Amino acid sequence: MNASGNAIAACDTLLTLTVPAEAGAVVLDHLLARSAWASGFTCATVEARGATIDLRGPGEQVRGSARRLQVQIALDRQAADAVLADLGTALPQRDIVFWMTPLLAFGRLA
């Protein structure tokens, strides 16, 4: 809800994707072409670490982390499921990771 009590949309889920840096542009283009599900999102470059992370190239192996693009989308659960199904069909990559968390509120301050 925003300061005047208006919700932007019925957003109850925060979908987070982490994508290999080299696939980032493809994923972003894919999401932008489906604005009915993901009318806006936030992106950041992050460093992924852990035993299950595929370190590519000497730079990542020395750092011990892999550069990833993290995308966060506030939307309703049904749309989040649709985005994942669509991405899974279009870009079936094991190294695209996702998680969903409940979203308590979403809006603008003014």
PDB file of N, CA and C in Angstrom:
ATOM      1  N   MET A   1       0.838  -1.185   0.000  1.00  0.00           N
ATOM      2  CA  MET A   1       0.000   0.000   0.000  1.00  0.00           C
ATOM      3  C   MET A   1       0.879   1.243   0.000  1.00  0.00           C
ATOM      4  N   ASN A   2       0.390   2.277  -0.641  1.00  0.00           N
ATOM      5  CA  ASN A   2       1.148   3.518  -0.591  1.00  0.00           C
ATOM      6  C   ASN A   2       0.629   4.370   0.569  1.00  0.00           C
ATOM      7  N   ALA A   3       1.159   5.557   0.749  1.00  0.00           N
ATOM      8  CA  ALA A   3       0.806   6.395   1.884  1.00  0.00           C
ATOM      9  C   ALA A   3      -0.674   6.721   1.934  1.00  0.00           C
ATOM     10  N   SER A   4      -1.343   6.757   0.805  1.00  0.00           N
ATOM     11  CA  SER A   4      -2.769   7.057   0.799  1.00  0.00           C
ATOM     12  C   SER A   4      -3.620   5.799   0.880  1.00  0.00           C
ATOM     13  N   GLY A   5      -2.970   4.635   1.103  1.00  0.00           N
ATOM     14  CA  GLY A   5      -3.711   3.402   1.300  1.00  0.00           C
ATOM     15  C   GLY A   5      -4.034   2.655   0.022  1.00  0.00           C
ATOM     16  N   ASN A   6      -3.420   3.016  -1.092  1.00  0.00           N
ATOM     17  CA  ASN A   6      -3.708   2.361  -2.366  1.00  0.00           C
ATOM     18  C   ASN A   6      -2.654   1.314  -2.696  1.00  0.00           C
ATOM     19  N   ALA A   7      -3.090   0.102  -2.952  1.00  0.00           N
ATOM     20  CA  ALA A   7      -2.168  -0.942  -3.380  1.00  0.00           C
ATOM     21  C   ALA A   7      -1.880  -0.758  -4.863  1.00  0.00           C
ATOM     22  N   ILE A   8      -0.651  -1.013  -5.272  1.00  0.00           N
ATOM     23  CA  ILE A   8      -0.306  -0.919  -6.691  1.00  0.00           C
ATOM     24  C   ILE A   8      -0.976  -2.057  -7.439  1.00  0.00           C
ATOM     25  N   ALA A   9      -0.877  -3.235  -6.910  1.00  0.00           N
ATOM     26  CA  ALA A   9      -1.462  -4.422  -7.526  1.00  0.00           C
ATOM     27  C   ALA A   9      -1.589  -5.468  -6.431  1.00  0.00           C
ATOM     28  N   ALA A  10      -2.235  -6.555  -6.745  1.00  0.00           N
ATOM     29  CA  ALA A  10      -2.400  -7.635  -5.776  1.00  0.00           C
ATOM     30  C   ALA A  10      -1.131  -8.473  -5.716  1.00  0.00           C
ATOM     31  N   CYS A  11      -0.083  -7.918  -5.142  1.00  0.00           N
ATOM     32  CA  CYS A  11       1.206  -8.601  -5.075  1.00  0.00           C
ATOM     33  C   CYS A  11       1.343  -9.275  -3.719  1.00  0.00           C
ATOM     34  N   ASP A  12       1.413 -10.603  -3.716  1.00  0.00           N
ATOM     35  CA  ASP A  12       1.570 -11.332  -2.463  1.00  0.00           C
ATOM     36  C   ASP A  12       2.822 -12.202  -2.453  1.00  0.00           C
ATOM     37  N   THR A  13       3.614 -12.149  -3.541  1.00  0.00           N
ATOM     38  CA  THR A  13       4.782 -13.013  -3.682  1.00  0.00           C
ATOM     39  C   THR A  13       5.962 -12.210  -4.217  1.00  0.00           C
ATOM     40  N   LEU A  14       7.133 -12.471  -3.655  1.00  0.00           N
ATOM     41  CA  LEU A  14       8.366 -11.913  -4.194  1.00  0.00           C
ATOM     42  C   LEU A  14       9.124 -13.065  -4.830  1.00  0.00           C
ATOM     43  N   LEU A  15       9.246 -13.021  -6.146  1.00  0.00           N
ATOM     44  CA  LEU A  15       9.982 -14.020  -6.906  1.00  0.00           C
ATOM     45  C   LEU A  15      11.393 -13.496  -7.123  1.00  0.00           C
ATOM     46  N   THR A  16      12.385 -14.278  -6.708  1.00  0.00           N
ATOM     47  CA  THR A  16      13.784 -13.921  -6.898  1.00  0.00           C
ATOM     48  C   THR A  16      14.424 -14.953  -7.811  1.00  0.00           C
ATOM     49  N   LEU A  17      15.103 -14.473  -8.837  1.00  0.00           N
ATOM     50  CA  LEU A  17      15.846 -15.325  -9.767  1.00  0.00           C
ATOM     51  C   LEU A  17      17.315 -14.954  -9.675  1.00  0.00           C
ATOM     52  N   THR A  18      18.194 -15.946  -9.708  1.00  0.00           N
ATOM     53  CA  THR A  18      19.613 -15.663  -9.906  1.00  0.00           C
ATOM     54  C   THR A  18      20.018 -16.352 -11.199  1.00  0.00           C
ATOM     55  N   VAL A  19      20.669 -15.587 -12.054  1.00  0.00           N
ATOM     56  CA  VAL A  19      20.948 -15.995 -13.422  1.00  0.00           C
ATOM     57  C   VAL A  19      22.435 -15.795 -13.704  1.00  0.00           C
ATOM     58  N   PRO A  20      23.090 -16.731 -14.374  1.00  0.00           N
ATOM     59  CA  PRO A  20      24.483 -16.491 -14.768  1.00  0.00           C
ATOM     60  C   PRO A  20      24.592 -15.173 -15.538  1.00  0.00           C
ATOM     61  N   ALA A  21      25.634 -14.439 -15.265  1.00  0.00           N
ATOM     62  CA  ALA A  21      25.792 -13.110 -15.870  1.00  0.00           C
ATOM     63  C   ALA A  21      25.646 -13.146 -17.383  1.00  0.00           C
ATOM     64  N   GLU A  22      26.196 -14.186 -18.026  1.00  0.00           N
ATOM     65  CA  GLU A  22      26.148 -14.236 -19.491  1.00  0.00           C
ATOM     66  C   GLU A  22      24.739 -14.488 -20.029  1.00  0.00           C
ATOM     67  N   ALA A  23      23.824 -14.980 -19.208  1.00  0.00           N
ATOM     68  CA  ALA A  23      22.441 -15.217 -19.637  1.00  0.00           C
ATOM     69  C   ALA A  23      21.506 -14.090 -19.193  1.00  0.00           C
ATOM     70  N   GLY A  24      22.040 -13.110 -18.486  1.00  0.00           N
ATOM     71  CA  GLY A  24      21.215 -12.044 -17.929  1.00  0.00           C
ATOM     72  C   GLY A  24      20.398 -11.284 -18.954  1.00  0.00           C
ATOM     73  N   ALA A  25      21.017 -10.875 -20.045  1.00  0.00           N
ATOM     74  CA  ALA A  25      20.309 -10.089 -21.061  1.00  0.00           C
ATOM     75  C   ALA A  25      19.167 -10.888 -21.675  1.00  0.00           C
ATOM     76  N   VAL A  26      19.372 -12.168 -21.886  1.00  0.00           N
ATOM     77  CA  VAL A  26      18.328 -13.016 -22.472  1.00  0.00           C
ATOM     78  C   VAL A  26      17.136 -13.122 -21.522  1.00  0.00           C
ATOM     79  N   VAL A  27      17.410 -13.322 -20.244  1.00  0.00           N
ATOM     80  CA  VAL A  27      16.335 -13.431 -19.254  1.00  0.00           C
ATOM     81  C   VAL A  27      15.588 -12.100 -19.134  1.00  0.00           C
ATOM     82  N   LEU A  28      16.313 -10.994 -19.087  1.00  0.00           N
ATOM     83  CA  LEU A  28      15.666  -9.685 -18.986  1.00  0.00           C
ATOM     84  C   LEU A  28      14.791  -9.401 -20.206  1.00  0.00           C
ATOM     85  N   ASP A  29      15.291  -9.693 -21.382  1.00  0.00           N
ATOM     86  CA  ASP A  29      14.491  -9.510 -22.597  1.00  0.00           C
ATOM     87  C   ASP A  29      13.235 -10.376 -22.545  1.00  0.00           C
ATOM     88  N   HIS A  30      13.380 -11.590 -22.067  1.00  0.00           N
ATOM     89  CA  HIS A  30      12.250 -12.515 -21.958  1.00  0.00           C
ATOM     90  C   HIS A  30      11.198 -11.945 -21.007  1.00  0.00           C
ATOM     91  N   LEU A  31      11.630 -11.427 -19.863  1.00  0.00           N
ATOM     92  CA  LEU A  31      10.685 -10.848 -18.899  1.00  0.00           C
ATOM     93  C   LEU A  31      10.036  -9.579 -19.443  1.00  0.00           C
ATOM     94  N   LEU A  32      10.817  -8.741 -20.101  1.00  0.00           N
ATOM     95  CA  LEU A  32      10.265  -7.495 -20.648  1.00  0.00           C
ATOM     96  C   LEU A  32       9.210  -7.761 -21.717  1.00  0.00           C
ATOM     97  N   ALA A  33       9.340  -8.866 -22.429  1.00  0.00           N
ATOM     98  CA  ALA A  33       8.355  -9.224 -23.457  1.00  0.00           C
ATOM     99  C   ALA A  33       7.068  -9.772 -22.849  1.00  0.00           C
ATOM    100  N   ARG A  34       7.049 -10.017 -21.545  1.00  0.00           N
ATOM    101  CA  ARG A  34       5.884 -10.580 -20.866  1.00  0.00           C
ATOM    102  C   ARG A  34       5.432  -9.656 -19.745  1.00  0.00           C
ATOM    103  N   SER A  35       5.169  -8.422 -20.089  1.00  0.00           N
ATOM    104  CA  SER A  35       4.836  -7.416 -19.085  1.00  0.00           C
ATOM    105  C   SER A  35       3.507  -7.684 -18.380  1.00  0.00           C
ATOM    106  N   ALA A  36       2.661  -8.540 -18.929  1.00  0.00           N
ATOM    107  CA  ALA A  36       1.411  -8.891 -18.233  1.00  0.00           C
ATOM    108  C   ALA A  36       1.715  -9.600 -16.918  1.00  0.00           C
ATOM    109  N   TRP A  37       2.810 -10.364 -16.880  1.00  0.00           N
ATOM    110  CA  TRP A  37       3.193 -11.062 -15.647  1.00  0.00           C
ATOM    111  C   TRP A  37       4.159 -10.243 -14.821  1.00  0.00           C
ATOM    112  N   ALA A  38       5.098  -9.626 -15.468  1.00  0.00           N
ATOM    113  CA  ALA A  38       6.176  -8.917 -14.776  1.00  0.00           C
ATOM    114  C   ALA A  38       6.253  -7.502 -15.301  1.00  0.00           C
ATOM    115  N   SER A  39       5.379  -6.632 -14.801  1.00  0.00           N
ATOM    116  CA  SER A  39       5.317  -5.272 -15.336  1.00  0.00           C
ATOM    117  C   SER A  39       6.509  -4.422 -14.913  1.00  0.00           C
ATOM    118  N   GLY A  40       7.238  -4.865 -13.925  1.00  0.00           N
ATOM    119  CA  GLY A  40       8.441  -4.184 -13.491  1.00  0.00           C
ATOM    120  C   GLY A  40       9.219  -5.094 -12.565  1.00  0.00           C
ATOM    121  N   PHE A  41      10.504  -4.870 -12.495  1.00  0.00           N
ATOM    122  CA  PHE A  41      11.330  -5.704 -11.630  1.00  0.00           C
ATOM    123  C   PHE A  41      12.612  -4.962 -11.309  1.00  0.00           C
ATOM    124  N   THR A  42      13.335  -5.478 -10.338  1.00  0.00           N
ATOM    125  CA  THR A  42      14.590  -4.892  -9.897  1.00  0.00           C
ATOM    126  C   THR A  42      15.719  -5.868 -10.191  1.00  0.00           C
ATOM    127  N   CYS A  43      16.857  -5.349 -10.638  1.00  0.00           N
ATOM    128  CA  CYS A  43      18.010  -6.193 -10.959  1.00  0.00           C
ATOM    129  C   CYS A  43      19.236  -5.690 -10.204  1.00  0.00           C
ATOM    130  N   ALA A  44      20.093  -6.628  -9.848  1.00  0.00           N
ATOM    131  CA  ALA A  44      21.363  -6.279  -9.211  1.00  0.00           C
ATOM    132  C   ALA A  44      22.380  -7.359  -9.552  1.00  0.00           C
ATOM    133  N   THR A  45      23.635  -6.960  -9.624  1.00  0.00           N
ATOM    134  CA  THR A  45      24.710  -7.929  -9.796  1.00  0.00           C
ATOM    135  C   THR A  45      25.097  -8.429  -8.415  1.00  0.00           C
ATOM    136  N   VAL A  46      25.170  -9.753  -8.265  1.00  0.00           N
ATOM    137  CA  VAL A  46      25.507 -10.372  -6.983  1.00  0.00           C
ATOM    138  C   VAL A  46      26.621 -11.396  -7.180  1.00  0.00           C
ATOM    139  N   GLU A  47      27.189 -11.842  -6.097  1.00  0.00           N
ATOM    140  CA  GLU A  47      28.212 -12.888  -6.095  1.00  0.00           C
ATOM    141  C   GLU A  47      27.615 -14.119  -5.434  1.00  0.00           C
ATOM    142  N   ALA A  48      27.539 -15.223  -6.165  1.00  0.00           N
ATOM    143  CA  ALA A  48      27.007 -16.478  -5.635  1.00  0.00           C
ATOM    144  C   ALA A  48      28.155 -17.319  -5.102  1.00  0.00           C
ATOM    145  N   ARG A  49      27.958 -17.884  -3.931  1.00  0.00           N
ATOM    146  CA  ARG A  49      28.990 -18.706  -3.291  1.00  0.00           C
ATOM    147  C   ARG A  49      28.366 -19.987  -2.773  1.00  0.00           C
ATOM    148  N   GLY A  50      29.168 -21.017  -2.662  1.00  0.00           N
ATOM    149  CA  GLY A  50      28.708 -22.258  -2.066  1.00  0.00           C
ATOM    150  C   GLY A  50      29.168 -23.474  -2.841  1.00  0.00           C
ATOM    151  N   ALA A  51      28.985 -24.628  -2.219  1.00  0.00           N
ATOM    152  CA  ALA A  51      29.457 -25.886  -2.801  1.00  0.00           C
ATOM    153  C   ALA A  51      28.745 -26.238  -4.102  1.00  0.00           C
ATOM    154  N   THR A  52      27.521 -25.759  -4.289  1.00  0.00           N
ATOM    155  CA  THR A  52      26.758 -26.124  -5.486  1.00  0.00           C
ATOM    156  C   THR A  52      26.896 -25.122  -6.621  1.00  0.00           C
ATOM    157  N   ILE A  53      27.704 -24.081  -6.431  1.00  0.00           N
ATOM    158  CA  ILE A  53      27.877 -23.049  -7.450  1.00  0.00           C
ATOM    159  C   ILE A  53      28.940 -23.490  -8.449  1.00  0.00           C
ATOM    160  N   ASP A  54      28.593 -23.419  -9.730  1.00  0.00           N
ATOM    161  CA  ASP A  54      29.521 -23.759 -10.813  1.00  0.00           C
ATOM    162  C   ASP A  54      30.403 -22.545 -11.094  1.00  0.00           C
ATOM    163  N   LEU A  55      31.675 -22.650 -10.724  1.00  0.00           N
ATOM    164  CA  LEU A  55      32.616 -21.549 -10.950  1.00  0.00           C
ATOM    165  C   LEU A  55      33.214 -21.692 -12.341  1.00  0.00           C
ATOM    166  N   ARG A  56      32.985 -20.684 -13.176  1.00  0.00           N
ATOM    167  CA  ARG A  56      33.436 -20.710 -14.564  1.00  0.00           C
ATOM    168  C   ARG A  56      34.647 -19.810 -14.731  1.00  0.00           C
ATOM    169  N   GLY A  57      35.659 -20.341 -15.265  1.00  0.00           N
ATOM    170  CA  GLY A  57      36.836 -19.538 -15.582  1.00  0.00           C
ATOM    171  C   GLY A  57      37.722 -19.303 -14.370  1.00  0.00           C
ATOM    172  N   PRO A  58      38.972 -18.913 -14.651  1.00  0.00           N
ATOM    173  CA  PRO A  58      39.942 -18.729 -13.580  1.00  0.00           C
ATOM    174  C   PRO A  58      39.586 -17.608 -12.610  1.00  0.00           C
ATOM    175  N   GLY A  59      39.003 -16.528 -13.100  1.00  0.00           N
ATOM    176  CA  GLY A  59      38.646 -15.411 -12.217  1.00  0.00           C
ATOM    177  C   GLY A  59      37.671 -15.824 -11.128  1.00  0.00           C
ATOM    178  N   GLU A  60      36.620 -16.550 -11.508  1.00  0.00           N
ATOM    179  CA  GLU A  60      35.639 -17.015 -10.527  1.00  0.00           C
ATOM    180  C   GLU A  60      36.266 -18.040  -9.585  1.00  0.00           C
ATOM    181  N   GLN A  61      37.149 -18.877 -10.110  1.00  0.00           N
ATOM    182  CA  GLN A  61      37.784 -19.887  -9.270  1.00  0.00           C
ATOM    183  C   GLN A  61      38.696 -19.234  -8.234  1.00  0.00           C
ATOM    184  N   VAL A  62      39.393 -18.184  -8.606  1.00  0.00           N
ATOM    185  CA  VAL A  62      40.259 -17.477  -7.661  1.00  0.00           C
ATOM    186  C   VAL A  62      39.413 -16.762  -6.606  1.00  0.00           C
ATOM    187  N   ARG A  63      38.349 -16.080  -7.042  1.00  0.00           N
ATOM    188  CA  ARG A  63      37.475 -15.368  -6.095  1.00  0.00           C
ATOM    189  C   ARG A  63      36.681 -16.330  -5.225  1.00  0.00           C
ATOM    190  N   GLY A  64      36.374 -17.502  -5.760  1.00  0.00           N
ATOM    191  CA  GLY A  64      35.540 -18.449  -5.030  1.00  0.00           C
ATOM    192  C   GLY A  64      34.074 -18.089  -5.094  1.00  0.00           C
ATOM    193  N   SER A  65      33.706 -17.279  -6.073  1.00  0.00           N
ATOM    194  CA  SER A  65      32.309 -16.881  -6.247  1.00  0.00           C
ATOM    195  C   SER A  65      32.024 -16.673  -7.730  1.00  0.00           C
ATOM    196  N   ALA A  66      30.743 -16.730  -8.061  1.00  0.00           N
ATOM    197  CA  ALA A  66      30.324 -16.574  -9.453  1.00  0.00           C
ATOM    198  C   ALA A  66      29.435 -15.342  -9.574  1.00  0.00           C
ATOM    199  N   ARG A  67      29.702 -14.535 -10.583  1.00  0.00           N
ATOM    200  CA  ARG A  67      28.856 -13.361 -10.823  1.00  0.00           C
ATOM    201  C   ARG A  67      27.502 -13.822 -11.338  1.00  0.00           C
ATOM    202  N   ARG A  68      26.457 -13.269 -10.755  1.00  0.00           N
ATOM    203  CA  ARG A  68      25.100 -13.586 -11.153  1.00  0.00           C
ATOM    204  C   ARG A  68      24.298 -12.292 -11.238  1.00  0.00           C
ATOM    205  N   LEU A  69      23.264 -12.329 -12.045  1.00  0.00           N
ATOM    206  CA  LEU A  69      22.275 -11.261 -12.079  1.00  0.00           C
ATOM    207  C   LEU A  69      21.130 -11.726 -11.201  1.00  0.00           C
ATOM    208  N   GLN A  70      20.749 -10.914 -10.247  1.00  0.00           N
ATOM    209  CA  GLN A  70      19.607 -11.244  -9.403  1.00  0.00           C
ATOM    210  C   GLN A  70      18.441 -10.356  -9.812  1.00  0.00           C
ATOM    211  N   VAL A  71      17.310 -10.988 -10.070  1.00  0.00           N
ATOM    212  CA  VAL A  71      16.103 -10.288 -10.492  1.00  0.00           C
ATOM    213  C   VAL A  71      15.035 -10.535  -9.443  1.00  0.00           C
ATOM    214  N   GLN A  72      14.390  -9.477  -8.977  1.00  0.00           N
ATOM    215  CA  GLN A  72      13.296  -9.612  -8.023  1.00  0.00           C
ATOM    216  C   GLN A  72      12.036  -9.001  -8.624  1.00  0.00           C
ATOM    217  N   ILE A  73      10.946  -9.762  -8.532  1.00  0.00           N
ATOM    218  CA  ILE A  73       9.677  -9.350  -9.111  1.00  0.00           C
ATOM    219  C   ILE A  73       8.586  -9.502  -8.054  1.00  0.00           C
ATOM    220  N   ALA A  74       7.845  -8.431  -7.794  1.00  0.00           N
ATOM    221  CA  ALA A  74       6.692  -8.482  -6.901  1.00  0.00           C
ATOM    222  C   ALA A  74       5.456  -8.743  -7.760  1.00  0.00           C
ATOM    223  N   LEU A  75       4.753  -9.823  -7.463  1.00  0.00           N
ATOM    224  CA  LEU A  75       3.582 -10.198  -8.257  1.00  0.00           C
ATOM    225  C   LEU A  75       2.712 -11.157  -7.454  1.00  0.00           C
ATOM    226  N   ASP A  76       1.591 -11.559  -8.006  1.00  0.00           N
ATOM    227  CA  ASP A  76       0.758 -12.532  -7.299  1.00  0.00           C
ATOM    228  C   ASP A  76       1.287 -13.939  -7.561  1.00  0.00           C
ATOM    229  N   ARG A  77       0.933 -14.880  -6.694  1.00  0.00           N
ATOM    230  CA  ARG A  77       1.499 -16.232  -6.753  1.00  0.00           C
ATOM    231  C   ARG A  77       1.205 -16.911  -8.091  1.00  0.00           C
ATOM    232  N   GLN A  78       0.016 -16.749  -8.611  1.00  0.00           N
ATOM    233  CA  GLN A  78      -0.331 -17.382  -9.886  1.00  0.00           C
ATOM    234  C   GLN A  78       0.578 -16.868 -11.010  1.00  0.00           C
ATOM    235  N   ALA A  79       0.838 -15.578 -11.027  1.00  0.00           N
ATOM    236  CA  ALA A  79       1.731 -15.006 -12.043  1.00  0.00           C
ATOM    237  C   ALA A  79       3.166 -15.493 -11.826  1.00  0.00           C
ATOM    238  N   ALA A  80       3.599 -15.629 -10.569  1.00  0.00           N
ATOM    239  CA  ALA A  80       4.941 -16.136 -10.293  1.00  0.00           C
ATOM    240  C   ALA A  80       5.096 -17.554 -10.837  1.00  0.00           C
ATOM    241  N   ASP A  81       4.083 -18.389 -10.625  1.00  0.00           N
ATOM    242  CA  ASP A  81       4.123 -19.753 -11.165  1.00  0.00           C
ATOM    243  C   ASP A  81       4.177 -19.737 -12.691  1.00  0.00           C
ATOM    244  N   ALA A  82       3.423 -18.820 -13.309  1.00  0.00           N
ATOM    245  CA  ALA A  82       3.406 -18.718 -14.771  1.00  0.00           C
ATOM    246  C   ALA A  82       4.768 -18.259 -15.300  1.00  0.00           C
ATOM    247  N   VAL A  83       5.396 -17.296 -14.624  1.00  0.00           N
ATOM    248  CA  VAL A  83       6.716 -16.824 -15.040  1.00  0.00           C
ATOM    249  C   VAL A  83       7.716 -17.972 -14.983  1.00  0.00           C
ATOM    250  N   LEU A  84       7.700 -18.745 -13.895  1.00  0.00           N
ATOM    251  CA  LEU A  84       8.637 -19.864 -13.762  1.00  0.00           C
ATOM    252  C   LEU A  84       8.395 -20.934 -14.818  1.00  0.00           C
ATOM    253  N   ALA A  85       7.136 -21.259 -15.072  1.00  0.00           N
ATOM    254  CA  ALA A  85       6.833 -22.264 -16.099  1.00  0.00           C
ATOM    255  C   ALA A  85       7.302 -21.784 -17.468  1.00  0.00           C
ATOM    256  N   ASP A  86       7.065 -20.523 -17.769  1.00  0.00           N
ATOM    257  CA  ASP A  86       7.469 -19.955 -19.056  1.00  0.00           C
ATOM    258  C   ASP A  86       8.991 -19.931 -19.197  1.00  0.00           C
ATOM    259  N   LEU A  87       9.691 -19.471 -18.154  1.00  0.00           N
ATOM    260  CA  LEU A  87      11.155 -19.447 -18.208  1.00  0.00           C
ATOM    261  C   LEU A  87      11.722 -20.855 -18.290  1.00  0.00           C
ATOM    262  N   GLY A  88      11.116 -21.799 -17.570  1.00  0.00           N
ATOM    263  CA  GLY A  88      11.582 -23.178 -17.594  1.00  0.00           C
ATOM    264  C   GLY A  88      11.477 -23.808 -18.967  1.00  0.00           C
ATOM    265  N   THR A  89      10.446 -23.418 -19.719  1.00  0.00           N
ATOM    266  CA  THR A  89      10.273 -23.918 -21.076  1.00  0.00           C
ATOM    267  C   THR A  89      11.231 -23.219 -22.049  1.00  0.00           C
ATOM    268  N   ALA A  90      11.336 -21.904 -21.922  1.00  0.00           N
ATOM    269  CA  ALA A  90      12.145 -21.125 -22.859  1.00  0.00           C
ATOM    270  C   ALA A  90      13.647 -21.242 -22.582  1.00  0.00           C
ATOM    271  N   LEU A  91      14.022 -21.324 -21.305  1.00  0.00           N
ATOM    272  CA  LEU A  91      15.439 -21.321 -20.927  1.00  0.00           C
ATOM    273  C   LEU A  91      15.708 -22.397 -19.871  1.00  0.00           C
ATOM    274  N   PRO A  92      15.605 -23.658 -20.233  1.00  0.00           N
ATOM    275  CA  PRO A  92      15.786 -24.723 -19.240  1.00  0.00           C
ATOM    276  C   PRO A  92      17.259 -24.877 -18.843  1.00  0.00           C
ATOM    277  N   GLN A  93      17.688 -24.054 -17.903  1.00  0.00           N
ATOM    278  CA  GLN A  93      19.086 -24.082 -17.459  1.00  0.00           C
ATOM    279  C   GLN A  93      19.145 -24.408 -15.974  1.00  0.00           C
ATOM    280  N   ARG A  94      19.982 -25.352 -15.637  1.00  0.00           N
ATOM    281  CA  ARG A  94      20.132 -25.753 -14.244  1.00  0.00           C
ATOM    282  C   ARG A  94      20.689 -24.622 -13.378  1.00  0.00           C
ATOM    283  N   ASP A  95      21.467 -23.727 -13.969  1.00  0.00           N
ATOM    284  CA  ASP A  95      22.091 -22.675 -13.179  1.00  0.00           C
ATOM    285  C   ASP A  95      21.251 -21.400 -13.059  1.00  0.00           C
ATOM    286  N   ILE A  96      19.990 -21.445 -13.495  1.00  0.00           N
ATOM    287  CA  ILE A  96      19.041 -20.383 -13.165  1.00  0.00           C
ATOM    288  C   ILE A  96      18.293 -20.864 -11.924  1.00  0.00           C
ATOM    289  N   VAL A  97      18.479 -20.150 -10.836  1.00  0.00           N
ATOM    290  CA  VAL A  97      17.933 -20.545  -9.545  1.00  0.00           C
ATOM    291  C   VAL A  97      16.837 -19.560  -9.159  1.00  0.00           C
ATOM    292  N   PHE A  98      15.815 -20.060  -8.460  1.00  0.00           N
ATOM    293  CA  PHE A  98      14.730 -19.175  -8.027  1.00  0.00           C
ATOM    294  C   PHE A  98      14.317 -19.510  -6.603  1.00  0.00           C
ATOM    295  N   TRP A  99      13.674 -18.548  -5.975  1.00  0.00           N
ATOM    296  CA  TRP A  99      12.938 -18.797  -4.737  1.00  0.00           C
ATOM    297  C   TRP A  99      11.811 -17.783  -4.644  1.00  0.00           C
ATOM    298  N   MET A 100      10.789 -18.148  -3.901  1.00  0.00           N
ATOM    299  CA  MET A 100       9.635 -17.281  -3.682  1.00  0.00           C
ATOM    300  C   MET A 100       9.464 -17.068  -2.181  1.00  0.00           C
ATOM    301  N   THR A 101       9.118 -15.850  -1.817  1.00  0.00           N
ATOM    302  CA  THR A 101       8.827 -15.544  -0.427  1.00  0.00           C
ATOM    303  C   THR A 101       7.523 -14.761  -0.358  1.00  0.00           C
ATOM    304  N   PRO A 102       6.788 -14.913   0.747  1.00  0.00           N
ATOM    305  CA  PRO A 102       5.562 -14.127   0.906  1.00  0.00           C
ATOM    306  C   PRO A 102       5.891 -12.644   0.960  1.00  0.00           C
ATOM    307  N   LEU A 103       5.062 -11.861   0.332  1.00  0.00           N
ATOM    308  CA  LEU A 103       5.244 -10.409   0.312  1.00  0.00           C
ATOM    309  C   LEU A 103       4.121  -9.791   1.125  1.00  0.00           C
ATOM    310  N   LEU A 104       4.460  -9.154   2.231  1.00  0.00           N
ATOM    311  CA  LEU A 104       3.460  -8.608   3.144  1.00  0.00           C
ATOM    312  C   LEU A 104       2.795  -7.352   2.605  1.00  0.00           C
ATOM    313  N   ALA A 105       3.550  -6.535   1.908  1.00  0.00           N
ATOM    314  CA  ALA A 105       3.012  -5.287   1.363  1.00  0.00           C
ATOM    315  C   ALA A 105       3.854  -4.869   0.176  1.00  0.00           C
ATOM    316  N   PHE A 106       3.224  -4.121  -0.730  1.00  0.00           N
ATOM    317  CA  PHE A 106       3.922  -3.594  -1.889  1.00  0.00           C
ATOM    318  C   PHE A 106       3.190  -2.340  -2.325  1.00  0.00           C
ATOM    319  N   GLY A 107       3.900  -1.251  -2.514  1.00  0.00           N
ATOM    320  CA  GLY A 107       3.251  -0.019  -2.925  1.00  0.00           C
ATOM    321  C   GLY A 107       4.242   1.106  -3.123  1.00  0.00           C
ATOM    322  N   ARG A 108       3.710   2.285  -3.238  1.00  0.00           N
ATOM    323  CA  ARG A 108       4.535   3.487  -3.402  1.00  0.00           C
ATOM    324  C   ARG A 108       4.229   4.438  -2.232  1.00  0.00           C
ATOM    325  N   LEU A 109       5.223   5.210  -1.854  1.00  0.00           N
ATOM    326  CA  LEU A 109       5.025   6.131  -0.722  1.00  0.00           C
ATOM    327  C   LEU A 109       4.188   7.340  -1.098  1.00  0.00           C
ATOM    328  N   ALA A 110       4.142   7.675  -2.361  1.00  0.00           N
ATOM    329  CA  ALA A 110       3.362   8.854  -2.747  1.00  0.00           C
ATOM    330  C   ALA A 110       2.587   8.576  -4.005  1.00  0.00           C
TER     331      ALA A 110
END
